[in-house]
Amino acid sequence: VPGNLGCYKDHGEPPLTGTSETSNKLTIQTCISSCRSQQFKFAGMESGYACFCGNNPDYWRYGEAASTECNSVCFGDHTQPCGGDGRVILFDTLIGACGGNYTSATAVIYSPDFPDTYGTGKVCYWTIQVPGASRIHFSFALFEIKDATDMVELLDGYTYHVLARFNGKNRPPHTFNISLDFVILYFFSDEINQAQGFAIRYRAVKDNVHQNKIPMNRTLSEKINEQANLSINAARSSKILYVITTSPSHPSSSMPGNITRK
């Protein structure tokens, strides 16, 4: 399963030492969501029905097991692995979050509720800001969007202009570059269909080029909502194709978000 941190041993003392619960409807995302709502960084599943949460980064010291030992199916979804007998499969709780802030040089961002299907009526955005980067390289490891109304967009983080829009009828190239150090990834789903979603990896490339930056006074929430509404209306009423471009200037701003991970 994409995004898992490995399979670890439970010798009566689980590798995550926060909270725990059991459920006969457990899926990977229900466990991750529960741990994320409690502000834990990691989530683990064992024996198909047990969910563990924790923040301890030393989970590895409990001993790693072969991934095949964590293949017991989740009670809530028999297509997903939820650990094994005395074996815990671990995940970062950022997986499947609806939004977040990313500043690391590389990371993978998943659609909301991943690896479950994304829900209806989702509006999510993730900021990717890597100061000093001359461009950001993107590649989709997975892209399963149901129709033309559900969409993934990439926006210039400074001007909020749509650089690219992808949906069920306009699929993305496998890899592409955007010549910015600040990009917003936006996802919208309508009230009708659901699908597996997406997994997109980004990698920032830095060159030794200094660029002056000018502060902006409009907040992300004001402008992203404005741009999102325009984008949704455009998708419904026209066949406008947005292509990847570059921005001539790079003003700086402090952007709000739900989750920040460096």
Protein backbone atom coordinates (compact mmCIF):
# COMPACT_ATOMS: atom_id res chain seq x y z
CA VAL A 1 0.00 0.00 0.00
CA PRO A 2 1.52 3.39 -0.94
CA GLY A 3 2.57 5.55 1.98
CA ASN A 4 3.07 2.88 4.61
CA LEU A 5 6.12 3.10 6.87
CA GLY A 6 6.60 -0.63 7.24
CA CYS A 7 5.51 -3.65 9.23
CA TYR A 8 6.64 -3.82 12.88
CA LYS A 9 6.51 -6.35 15.69
CA ASP A 10 4.21 -6.19 18.71
CA HIS A 11 5.55 -8.36 21.56
CA GLY A 12 2.78 -7.31 23.92
CA GLU A 13 4.00 -3.72 23.76
CA PRO A 14 2.87 -2.08 20.49
CA PRO A 15 5.30 0.20 18.63
CA LEU A 16 2.91 3.16 19.02
CA THR A 17 2.33 4.22 22.63
CA GLY A 18 -0.52 6.73 22.35
CA THR A 19 -4.16 5.66 22.23
CA SER A 20 -5.72 2.47 20.85
CA GLU A 21 -9.15 1.21 19.85
CA THR A 22 -10.76 -1.73 18.07
CA SER A 23 -13.45 -1.82 15.40
CA ASN A 24 -15.06 -4.46 13.22
CA LYS A 25 -15.32 -1.79 10.50
CA LEU A 26 -11.65 -0.78 10.53
CA THR A 27 -10.00 0.49 7.35
CA ILE A 28 -6.61 2.11 6.92
CA GLN A 29 -8.16 5.56 6.59
CA THR A 30 -10.59 5.24 9.51
CA CYS A 31 -7.60 4.49 11.74
CA ILE A 32 -5.48 7.26 10.21
CA SER A 33 -8.34 9.77 10.52
CA SER A 34 -8.92 8.85 14.16
CA CYS A 35 -5.24 9.31 15.00
CA ARG A 36 -5.00 12.54 13.01
CA SER A 37 -8.02 14.00 14.82
CA GLN A 38 -6.17 13.35 18.09
CA GLN A 39 -3.07 15.17 16.77
CA PHE A 40 -0.94 12.03 16.47
CA LYS A 41 1.70 11.75 13.73
CA PHE A 42 1.51 7.98 13.24
CA ALA A 43 -1.23 5.37 12.93
CA GLY A 44 -0.91 1.59 13.04
CA MET A 45 -3.27 -1.32 12.37
CA GLU A 46 -3.00 -4.84 13.79
CA SER A 47 -4.91 -8.09 13.15
CA GLY A 48 -7.48 -6.40 10.93
CA TYR A 49 -9.42 -4.67 13.71
CA ALA A 50 -7.03 -2.86 16.10
CA CYS A 51 -5.91 0.76 15.63
CA PHE A 52 -2.95 2.33 17.47
CA CYS A 53 -1.90 5.99 17.52
CA GLY A 54 1.34 7.61 18.64
CA ASN A 55 4.02 10.24 18.17
CA ASN A 56 7.07 8.20 19.11
CA PRO A 57 9.58 8.25 16.23
CA ASP A 58 11.45 5.24 17.65
CA TYR A 59 8.81 2.76 16.51
CA TRP A 60 11.56 1.04 14.51
CA ARG A 61 13.27 -0.24 17.66
CA TYR A 62 10.46 -2.74 18.19
CA GLY A 63 11.80 -4.65 15.20
CA GLU A 64 10.74 -4.62 11.57
CA ALA A 65 8.97 -7.62 10.05
CA ALA A 66 8.46 -8.68 6.44
CA SER A 67 5.67 -6.78 4.71
CA THR A 68 3.92 -10.09 3.97
CA GLU A 69 3.37 -10.52 7.73
CA CYS A 70 1.10 -7.44 7.72
CA ASN A 71 -1.32 -8.68 5.08
CA SER A 72 -4.30 -9.56 7.27
CA VAL A 73 -7.30 -7.86 5.66
CA CYS A 74 -9.04 -4.93 7.32
CA PHE A 75 -12.39 -5.92 8.79
CA GLY A 76 -13.94 -2.87 7.12
CA ASP A 77 -12.36 -3.39 3.67
CA HIS A 78 -11.07 -6.79 2.60
CA THR A 79 -8.94 -5.23 -0.14
CA GLN A 80 -6.71 -3.41 2.38
CA PRO A 81 -3.98 -4.83 4.64
CA CYS A 82 -4.38 -4.07 8.35
CA GLY A 83 -1.39 -5.71 10.01
CA GLY A 84 -1.24 -9.27 11.30
CA ASP A 85 -1.07 -11.37 14.45
CA GLY A 86 1.47 -9.50 16.56
CA ARG A 87 2.31 -7.31 13.56
CA VAL A 88 1.47 -3.61 13.12
CA ILE A 89 1.45 -1.83 9.76
CA LEU A 90 2.35 1.86 10.21
CA PHE A 91 1.30 4.99 8.33
CA ASP A 92 1.95 8.72 8.53
CA THR A 93 -1.31 10.47 9.44
CA LEU A 94 -0.80 13.07 6.69
CA ILE A 95 -2.00 10.41 4.25
CA GLY A 96 -5.56 11.15 3.20
CA ALA A 97 -5.72 14.55 4.90
CA CYS A 98 -7.84 17.20 3.18
CA GLY A 99 -5.18 19.92 2.94
CA GLY A 100 -1.85 20.78 4.52
CA ASN A 101 1.33 22.82 4.21
CA TYR A 102 4.49 21.26 2.77
CA THR A 103 7.95 22.84 2.93
CA SER A 104 10.24 19.81 2.56
CA ALA A 105 12.21 19.33 -0.65
CA THR A 106 10.23 16.22 -1.56
CA ALA A 107 7.03 14.50 -0.42
CA VAL A 108 4.00 12.56 -1.63
CA ILE A 109 0.51 14.06 -1.33
CA TYR A 110 -2.56 11.83 -1.37
CA SER A 111 -6.19 12.56 -2.17
CA PRO A 112 -8.57 12.99 0.79
CA ASP A 113 -9.50 9.72 2.54
CA PHE A 114 -6.81 7.75 0.67
CA PRO A 115 -6.49 4.75 0.35
CA ASP A 116 -10.29 4.72 0.71
CA THR A 117 -12.16 6.36 -2.16
CA TYR A 118 -12.44 10.13 -1.86
CA GLY A 119 -15.74 11.42 -0.55
CA THR A 120 -18.30 13.61 -2.27
CA GLY A 121 -18.32 17.37 -1.77
CA LYS A 122 -14.60 17.64 -0.98
CA VAL A 123 -12.77 20.96 -1.30
CA CYS A 124 -9.10 20.61 -0.31
CA TYR A 125 -5.89 22.52 -0.94
CA TRP A 126 -2.27 21.86 -0.08
CA THR A 127 0.47 24.50 -0.20
CA ILE A 128 3.91 23.46 -1.43
CA GLN A 129 6.46 26.16 -0.68
CA VAL A 130 10.19 25.45 -0.88
CA PRO A 131 12.10 28.77 -0.65
CA GLY A 132 14.96 28.99 -3.11
CA ALA A 133 13.64 26.35 -5.48
CA SER A 134 13.82 27.29 -9.16
CA ARG A 135 11.23 24.69 -10.14
CA ILE A 136 9.14 21.87 -8.72
CA HIS A 137 8.99 18.52 -10.47
CA PHE A 138 5.67 16.63 -10.20
CA SER A 139 4.81 13.02 -11.01
CA PHE A 140 1.52 11.18 -10.52
CA ALA A 141 1.93 7.66 -9.13
CA LEU A 142 -1.86 7.27 -9.22
CA PHE A 143 -4.63 9.24 -10.88
CA GLU A 144 -8.18 7.86 -10.78
CA ILE A 145 -10.68 10.72 -10.95
CA LYS A 146 -14.25 9.75 -11.79
CA ASP A 147 -15.52 12.38 -14.19
CA ALA A 148 -14.98 15.84 -15.65
CA THR A 149 -16.46 17.67 -12.65
CA ASP A 150 -14.13 16.20 -10.04
CA MET A 151 -10.79 17.92 -10.60
CA VAL A 152 -7.20 18.42 -9.53
CA GLU A 153 -5.64 21.82 -10.16
CA LEU A 154 -2.21 23.35 -9.67
CA LEU A 155 -2.09 27.09 -9.02
CA ASP A 156 0.64 29.69 -8.86
CA GLY A 157 1.09 30.16 -5.11
CA TYR A 158 1.65 33.90 -5.49
CA THR A 159 -0.96 34.96 -8.05
CA TYR A 160 -3.43 32.07 -7.60
CA HIS A 161 -3.68 31.68 -11.37
CA VAL A 162 -4.59 28.16 -12.50
CA LEU A 163 -1.58 26.59 -14.20
CA ALA A 164 -3.04 23.16 -14.92
CA ARG A 165 -6.35 21.35 -14.50
CA PHE A 166 -6.82 17.59 -14.64
CA ASN A 167 -9.96 15.47 -14.38
CA GLY A 168 -11.48 12.21 -15.57
CA LYS A 169 -11.46 13.39 -19.19
CA ASN A 170 -8.21 15.38 -19.12
CA ARG A 171 -5.60 13.16 -17.52
CA PRO A 172 -2.20 14.54 -16.46
CA PRO A 173 1.13 13.67 -18.07
CA HIS A 174 3.16 11.25 -16.01
CA THR A 175 5.71 13.94 -15.09
CA PHE A 176 5.98 17.71 -15.52
CA ASN A 177 7.74 20.77 -14.07
CA ILE A 178 6.46 24.09 -12.78
CA SER A 179 9.01 26.93 -12.64
CA LEU A 180 8.04 28.26 -9.22
CA ASP A 181 9.00 27.70 -5.59
CA PHE A 182 5.39 28.01 -4.39
CA VAL A 183 2.53 25.95 -5.82
CA ILE A 184 -0.97 25.22 -4.52
CA LEU A 185 -2.52 21.81 -5.17
CA TYR A 186 -6.31 21.99 -5.21
CA PHE A 187 -8.90 19.19 -5.27
CA PHE A 188 -12.66 19.38 -5.75
CA SER A 189 -15.26 16.59 -5.89
CA ASP A 190 -18.94 16.99 -6.66
CA GLU A 191 -21.88 15.35 -4.89
CA ILE A 192 -22.26 12.39 -7.25
CA ASN A 193 -19.33 10.07 -7.95
CA GLN A 194 -16.34 8.75 -6.03
CA ALA A 195 -13.08 7.10 -7.09
CA GLN A 196 -9.69 6.01 -5.77
CA GLY A 197 -8.19 9.49 -6.14
CA PHE A 198 -4.56 10.42 -6.64
CA ALA A 199 -1.05 10.20 -5.30
CA ILE A 200 1.36 12.88 -6.51
CA ARG A 201 5.04 13.17 -5.67
CA TYR A 202 6.83 16.50 -5.85
CA ARG A 203 10.54 17.27 -5.80
CA ALA A 204 11.92 20.80 -5.54
CA VAL A 205 15.03 21.70 -7.54
CA LYS A 206 17.17 24.54 -6.24
CA ASP A 207 19.45 26.79 -8.29
CA ASN A 208 21.65 29.54 -6.90
CA VAL A 209 19.44 32.37 -8.12
CA HIS A 210 18.29 35.05 -5.68
CA GLN A 211 14.95 36.67 -6.38
CA ASN A 212 13.44 39.67 -4.62
CA LYS A 213 10.08 39.04 -3.04
CA ILE A 214 7.25 41.48 -2.34
CA PRO A 215 4.67 40.81 0.40
CA MET A 216 1.01 40.35 -0.42
CA ASN A 217 -1.89 41.45 1.76
CA ARG A 218 -4.68 39.11 0.63
CA THR A 219 -5.06 35.86 2.53
CA LEU A 220 -4.94 32.43 0.95
CA SER A 221 -8.45 31.56 2.10
CA GLU A 222 -9.91 34.65 0.40
CA LYS A 223 -8.16 34.16 -2.91
CA ILE A 224 -8.19 30.37 -3.12
CA ASN A 225 -11.94 30.33 -2.52
CA GLU A 226 -12.38 32.99 -5.17
CA GLN A 227 -10.20 31.06 -7.62
CA ALA A 228 -11.86 27.76 -6.74
CA ASN A 229 -15.30 29.16 -7.48
CA LEU A 230 -14.09 30.53 -10.80
CA SER A 231 -12.48 27.20 -11.66
CA ILE A 232 -15.56 25.16 -10.78
CA ASN A 233 -17.81 27.46 -12.80
CA ALA A 234 -15.40 27.34 -15.74
CA ALA A 235 -15.31 23.56 -15.62
CA ARG A 236 -19.09 23.40 -15.74
CA SER A 237 -19.63 25.98 -18.43
CA SER A 238 -16.67 25.72 -20.80
CA LYS A 239 -13.82 23.62 -22.07
CA ILE A 240 -11.02 26.01 -21.21
CA LEU A 241 -7.65 24.25 -21.14
CA TYR A 242 -5.09 25.65 -18.74
CA VAL A 243 -1.44 24.96 -19.42
CA ILE A 244 1.58 25.13 -17.16
CA THR A 245 3.24 28.53 -17.25
CA THR A 246 5.67 30.49 -15.12
CA SER A 247 5.17 33.58 -13.00
CA PRO A 248 7.37 36.62 -13.68
CA SER A 249 7.53 37.60 -10.01
CA HIS A 250 7.62 35.76 -6.72
CA PRO A 251 6.07 37.85 -3.90
CA SER A 252 6.15 36.21 -0.49
CA SER A 253 3.35 35.64 1.97
CA SER A 254 2.53 33.69 5.09
CA MET A 255 0.00 31.07 4.16
CA PRO A 256 -2.45 29.42 6.57
CA GLY A 257 -3.25 25.71 6.46
CA ASN A 258 -4.49 22.78 8.52
CA ILE A 259 -1.33 20.70 8.81
CA THR A 260 2.31 21.65 8.45
CA ARG A 261 5.06 19.09 7.98
CA LYS A 262 8.69 20.01 7.32
